[in-house]
Amino acid sequence: MPKLEEADIYVEDGVDDFLRSITSVKRLSISSDFDSGNEFSISFEYLKMYSQPPKLLFGLLEDSPKLGDLYIYDYSDQHGYAPFSLNNISVPKCLLDNLESFKFKGYKATPVQREFLSFFFRNASRLKSSQSPHGRN
């Protein structure tokens, strides 16, 4: 049976169960309004996320030490997610060791976005290319 290597999905409910079922996927584009702090034992090399809950994003980053490309669209606190602080979070290994390409869209200069981008650029030591707008888009 062929292994699924790339997926572009929207998950309405059961994001944890779904992510546990796609262990062969290396390239994922995901949109989900449901947060999760669980570990998935999945390692992505490419990740694109749309209006993602912060805990889900950081859970996937933590589980993907070989992540080389990350695209984030509309990282904000305006979707009713539980408050999430970056103060005492450990830096995902992918930021320190592998991530080479980063794209961020939907920048509105909110305090949450500024905190996230500051954390991100402070720790992403292997970046070769990044794109994040300096104004509204």
C-alpha atoms as a PDB file:
ATOM      1  CA  MET A   1       0.000   0.000   0.000  1.00  0.00           C
ATOM      2  CA  PRO A   2       1.400   3.440  -0.923  1.00  0.00           C
ATOM      3  CA  LYS A   3       2.188   5.833   1.903  1.00  0.00           C
ATOM      4  CA  LEU A   4       0.585   9.271   1.967  1.00  0.00           C
ATOM      5  CA  GLU A   5       3.411  11.819   1.911  1.00  0.00           C
ATOM      6  CA  GLU A   6       1.554  15.121   1.470  1.00  0.00           C
ATOM      7  CA  ALA A   7      -1.805  16.324   2.800  1.00  0.00           C
ATOM      8  CA  ASP A   8      -3.801  19.560   2.591  1.00  0.00           C
ATOM      9  CA  ILE A   9      -6.666  19.367   5.089  1.00  0.00           C
ATOM     10  CA  TYR A  10      -9.219  21.192   7.203  1.00  0.00           C
ATOM     11  CA  VAL A  11     -10.073  19.426  10.447  1.00  0.00           C
ATOM     12  CA  GLU A  12     -13.320  20.474  12.127  1.00  0.00           C
ATOM     13  CA  ASP A  13     -13.174  18.105  15.064  1.00  0.00           C
ATOM     14  CA  GLY A  14     -10.929  15.315  16.288  1.00  0.00           C
ATOM     15  CA  VAL A  15      -7.638  16.931  15.279  1.00  0.00           C
ATOM     16  CA  ASP A  16      -5.705  14.700  17.709  1.00  0.00           C
ATOM     17  CA  ASP A  17      -7.089  11.473  16.256  1.00  0.00           C
ATOM     18  CA  PHE A  18      -6.594  12.673  12.713  1.00  0.00           C
ATOM     19  CA  LEU A  19      -2.961  13.671  13.244  1.00  0.00           C
ATOM     20  CA  ARG A  20      -2.191  10.334  14.869  1.00  0.00           C
ATOM     21  CA  SER A  21      -3.556   8.570  11.768  1.00  0.00           C
ATOM     22  CA  ILE A  22      -1.239  10.227   9.225  1.00  0.00           C
ATOM     23  CA  THR A  23       2.182   9.146  10.460  1.00  0.00           C
ATOM     24  CA  SER A  24       3.681   8.794   6.956  1.00  0.00           C
ATOM     25  CA  VAL A  25       2.912  12.410   5.942  1.00  0.00           C
ATOM     26  CA  LYS A  26       6.001  14.627   5.668  1.00  0.00           C
ATOM     27  CA  ARG A  27       4.349  17.692   4.090  1.00  0.00           C
ATOM     28  CA  LEU A  28       1.201  18.997   5.785  1.00  0.00           C
ATOM     29  CA  SER A  29      -1.077  21.980   5.191  1.00  0.00           C
ATOM     30  CA  ILE A  30      -3.652  22.139   7.967  1.00  0.00           C
ATOM     31  CA  SER A  31      -6.419  24.407   9.121  1.00  0.00           C
ATOM     32  CA  SER A  32      -8.170  23.667  12.380  1.00  0.00           C
ATOM     33  CA  ASP A  33     -10.065  25.709  14.919  1.00  0.00           C
ATOM     34  CA  PHE A  34      -9.536  23.101  17.631  1.00  0.00           C
ATOM     35  CA  ASP A  35      -6.598  23.406  19.961  1.00  0.00           C
ATOM     36  CA  SER A  36      -4.487  20.569  21.221  1.00  0.00           C
ATOM     37  CA  GLY A  37      -1.520  20.260  23.509  1.00  0.00           C
ATOM     38  CA  ASN A  38      -0.954  16.598  22.813  1.00  0.00           C
ATOM     39  CA  GLU A  39       2.082  14.915  21.326  1.00  0.00           C
ATOM     40  CA  PHE A  40       1.476  13.194  18.023  1.00  0.00           C
ATOM     41  CA  SER A  41       4.712  11.283  17.263  1.00  0.00           C
ATOM     42  CA  ILE A  42       4.696  12.714  13.739  1.00  0.00           C
ATOM     43  CA  SER A  43       7.658  14.454  12.205  1.00  0.00           C
ATOM     44  CA  PHE A  44       6.978  16.919   9.393  1.00  0.00           C
ATOM     45  CA  GLU A  45       9.542  18.401   7.037  1.00  0.00           C
ATOM     46  CA  TYR A  46       7.120  21.023   5.661  1.00  0.00           C
ATOM     47  CA  LEU A  47       4.240  22.572   7.590  1.00  0.00           C
ATOM     48  CA  LYS A  48       1.664  25.151   6.506  1.00  0.00           C
ATOM     49  CA  MET A  49      -0.929  26.232   9.074  1.00  0.00           C
ATOM     50  CA  TYR A  50      -3.969  28.489   8.723  1.00  0.00           C
ATOM     51  CA  SER A  51      -5.498  30.289  11.745  1.00  0.00           C
ATOM     52  CA  GLN A  52      -4.041  27.667  14.017  1.00  0.00           C
ATOM     53  CA  PRO A  53      -4.425  27.418  17.764  1.00  0.00           C
ATOM     54  CA  PRO A  54      -1.091  28.174  19.493  1.00  0.00           C
ATOM     55  CA  LYS A  55      -0.895  24.897  21.430  1.00  0.00           C
ATOM     56  CA  LEU A  56      -1.444  22.897  18.248  1.00  0.00           C
ATOM     57  CA  LEU A  57       1.253  24.871  16.423  1.00  0.00           C
ATOM     58  CA  PHE A  58       3.837  24.430  19.176  1.00  0.00           C
ATOM     59  CA  GLY A  59       2.929  20.763  19.615  1.00  0.00           C
ATOM     60  CA  LEU A  60       3.585  20.132  15.918  1.00  0.00           C
ATOM     61  CA  LEU A  61       6.825  22.145  16.005  1.00  0.00           C
ATOM     62  CA  GLU A  62       8.009  20.151  19.013  1.00  0.00           C
ATOM     63  CA  ASP A  63       7.216  16.857  17.263  1.00  0.00           C
ATOM     64  CA  SER A  64       8.989  17.890  14.026  1.00  0.00           C
ATOM     65  CA  PRO A  65      12.717  18.296  14.722  1.00  0.00           C
ATOM     66  CA  LYS A  66      13.523  17.966  10.974  1.00  0.00           C
ATOM     67  CA  LEU A  67      11.089  20.698   9.914  1.00  0.00           C
ATOM     68  CA  GLY A  68      12.752  22.765   7.193  1.00  0.00           C
ATOM     69  CA  ASP A  69       9.880  24.922   5.904  1.00  0.00           C
ATOM     70  CA  LEU A  70       7.175  26.646   7.955  1.00  0.00           C
ATOM     71  CA  TYR A  71       4.342  28.798   6.612  1.00  0.00           C
ATOM     72  CA  ILE A  72       1.942  30.431   9.050  1.00  0.00           C
ATOM     73  CA  TYR A  73      -1.182  32.296   8.024  1.00  0.00           C
ATOM     74  CA  ASP A  74      -3.123  34.433  10.491  1.00  0.00           C
ATOM     75  CA  TYR A  75      -1.451  33.627  13.817  1.00  0.00           C
ATOM     76  CA  SER A  76      -3.561  35.700  16.179  1.00  0.00           C
ATOM     77  CA  ASP A  77      -5.445  35.800  19.420  1.00  0.00           C
ATOM     78  CA  GLN A  78      -8.722  36.788  17.760  1.00  0.00           C
ATOM     79  CA  HIS A  79     -10.113  33.293  17.299  1.00  0.00           C
ATOM     80  CA  GLY A  80     -11.135  32.699  20.922  1.00  0.00           C
ATOM     81  CA  TYR A  81      -8.282  30.305  21.780  1.00  0.00           C
ATOM     82  CA  ALA A  82      -7.204  29.865  25.359  1.00  0.00           C
ATOM     83  CA  PRO A  83      -4.452  32.280  26.427  1.00  0.00           C
ATOM     84  CA  PHE A  84      -1.005  30.939  25.564  1.00  0.00           C
ATOM     85  CA  SER A  85       2.243  32.326  26.920  1.00  0.00           C
ATOM     86  CA  LEU A  86       5.675  31.892  25.395  1.00  0.00           C
ATOM     87  CA  ASN A  87       7.421  32.847  28.638  1.00  0.00           C
ATOM     88  CA  ASN A  88       8.293  29.389  29.926  1.00  0.00           C
ATOM     89  CA  ILE A  89       8.087  27.347  26.750  1.00  0.00           C
ATOM     90  CA  SER A  90      11.044  25.284  25.583  1.00  0.00           C
ATOM     91  CA  VAL A  91      12.357  26.155  22.145  1.00  0.00           C
ATOM     92  CA  PRO A  92      11.372  23.480  19.609  1.00  0.00           C
ATOM     93  CA  LYS A  93      14.423  21.647  18.238  1.00  0.00           C
ATOM     94  CA  CYS A  94      13.456  22.477  14.657  1.00  0.00           C
ATOM     95  CA  LEU A  95      13.949  26.199  15.346  1.00  0.00           C
ATOM     96  CA  LEU A  96      17.425  25.636  16.702  1.00  0.00           C
ATOM     97  CA  ASP A  97      18.686  23.022  14.242  1.00  0.00           C
ATOM     98  CA  ASN A  98      16.811  22.755  10.940  1.00  0.00           C
ATOM     99  CA  LEU A  99      14.292  25.406   9.969  1.00  0.00           C
ATOM    100  CA  GLU A 100      15.570  27.216   6.873  1.00  0.00           C
ATOM    101  CA  SER A 101      12.455  28.848   5.405  1.00  0.00           C
ATOM    102  CA  PHE A 102       9.716  30.779   7.198  1.00  0.00           C
ATOM    103  CA  LYS A 103       6.750  32.711   5.829  1.00  0.00           C
ATOM    104  CA  PHE A 104       4.222  34.605   7.941  1.00  0.00           C
ATOM    105  CA  LYS A 105       1.052  36.143   6.507  1.00  0.00           C
ATOM    106  CA  GLY A 106      -1.782  38.032   8.149  1.00  0.00           C
ATOM    107  CA  TYR A 107       0.348  40.371  10.255  1.00  0.00           C
ATOM    108  CA  LYS A 108      -1.773  42.911  12.121  1.00  0.00           C
ATOM    109  CA  ALA A 109       0.826  44.029  14.688  1.00  0.00           C
ATOM    110  CA  THR A 110      -1.109  42.597  17.637  1.00  0.00           C
ATOM    111  CA  PRO A 111       0.809  42.002  20.879  1.00  0.00           C
ATOM    112  CA  VAL A 112       0.403  38.222  20.402  1.00  0.00           C
ATOM    113  CA  GLN A 113       1.881  38.369  16.902  1.00  0.00           C
ATOM    114  CA  ARG A 114       4.768  40.581  17.985  1.00  0.00           C
ATOM    115  CA  GLU A 115       5.552  38.250  20.893  1.00  0.00           C
ATOM    116  CA  PHE A 116       5.427  35.195  18.608  1.00  0.00           C
ATOM    117  CA  LEU A 117       7.657  36.722  15.908  1.00  0.00           C
ATOM    118  CA  SER A 118      10.132  37.960  18.518  1.00  0.00           C
ATOM    119  CA  PHE A 119      10.335  34.460  20.040  1.00  0.00           C
ATOM    120  CA  PHE A 120      10.592  32.914  16.608  1.00  0.00           C
ATOM    121  CA  PHE A 121      13.369  35.099  15.169  1.00  0.00           C
ATOM    122  CA  ARG A 122      15.294  35.060  18.440  1.00  0.00           C
ATOM    123  CA  ASN A 123      15.482  31.239  18.277  1.00  0.00           C
ATOM    124  CA  ALA A 124      15.441  30.280  14.579  1.00  0.00           C
ATOM    125  CA  SER A 125      19.188  30.165  14.121  1.00  0.00           C
ATOM    126  CA  ARG A 126      19.352  28.347  10.743  1.00  0.00           C
ATOM    127  CA  LEU A 127      16.977  30.531   8.718  1.00  0.00           C
ATOM    128  CA  LYS A 128      18.074  31.165   5.141  1.00  0.00           C
ATOM    129  CA  SER A 129      14.897  32.916   4.028  1.00  0.00           C
ATOM    130  CA  SER A 130      11.986  34.536   5.793  1.00  0.00           C
ATOM    131  CA  GLN A 131       9.046  36.611   4.722  1.00  0.00           C
ATOM    132  CA  SER A 132       6.875  38.516   7.133  1.00  0.00           C
ATOM    133  CA  PRO A 133       5.145  41.728   6.128  1.00  0.00           C
ATOM    134  CA  HIS A 134       5.881  44.915   8.006  1.00  0.00           C
ATOM    135  CA  GLY A 135       2.363  46.255   7.682  1.00  0.00           C
ATOM    136  CA  ARG A 136      -1.155  45.049   7.263  1.00  0.00           C
ATOM    137  CA  ASN A 137      -1.870  42.640   4.422  1.00  0.00           C
END
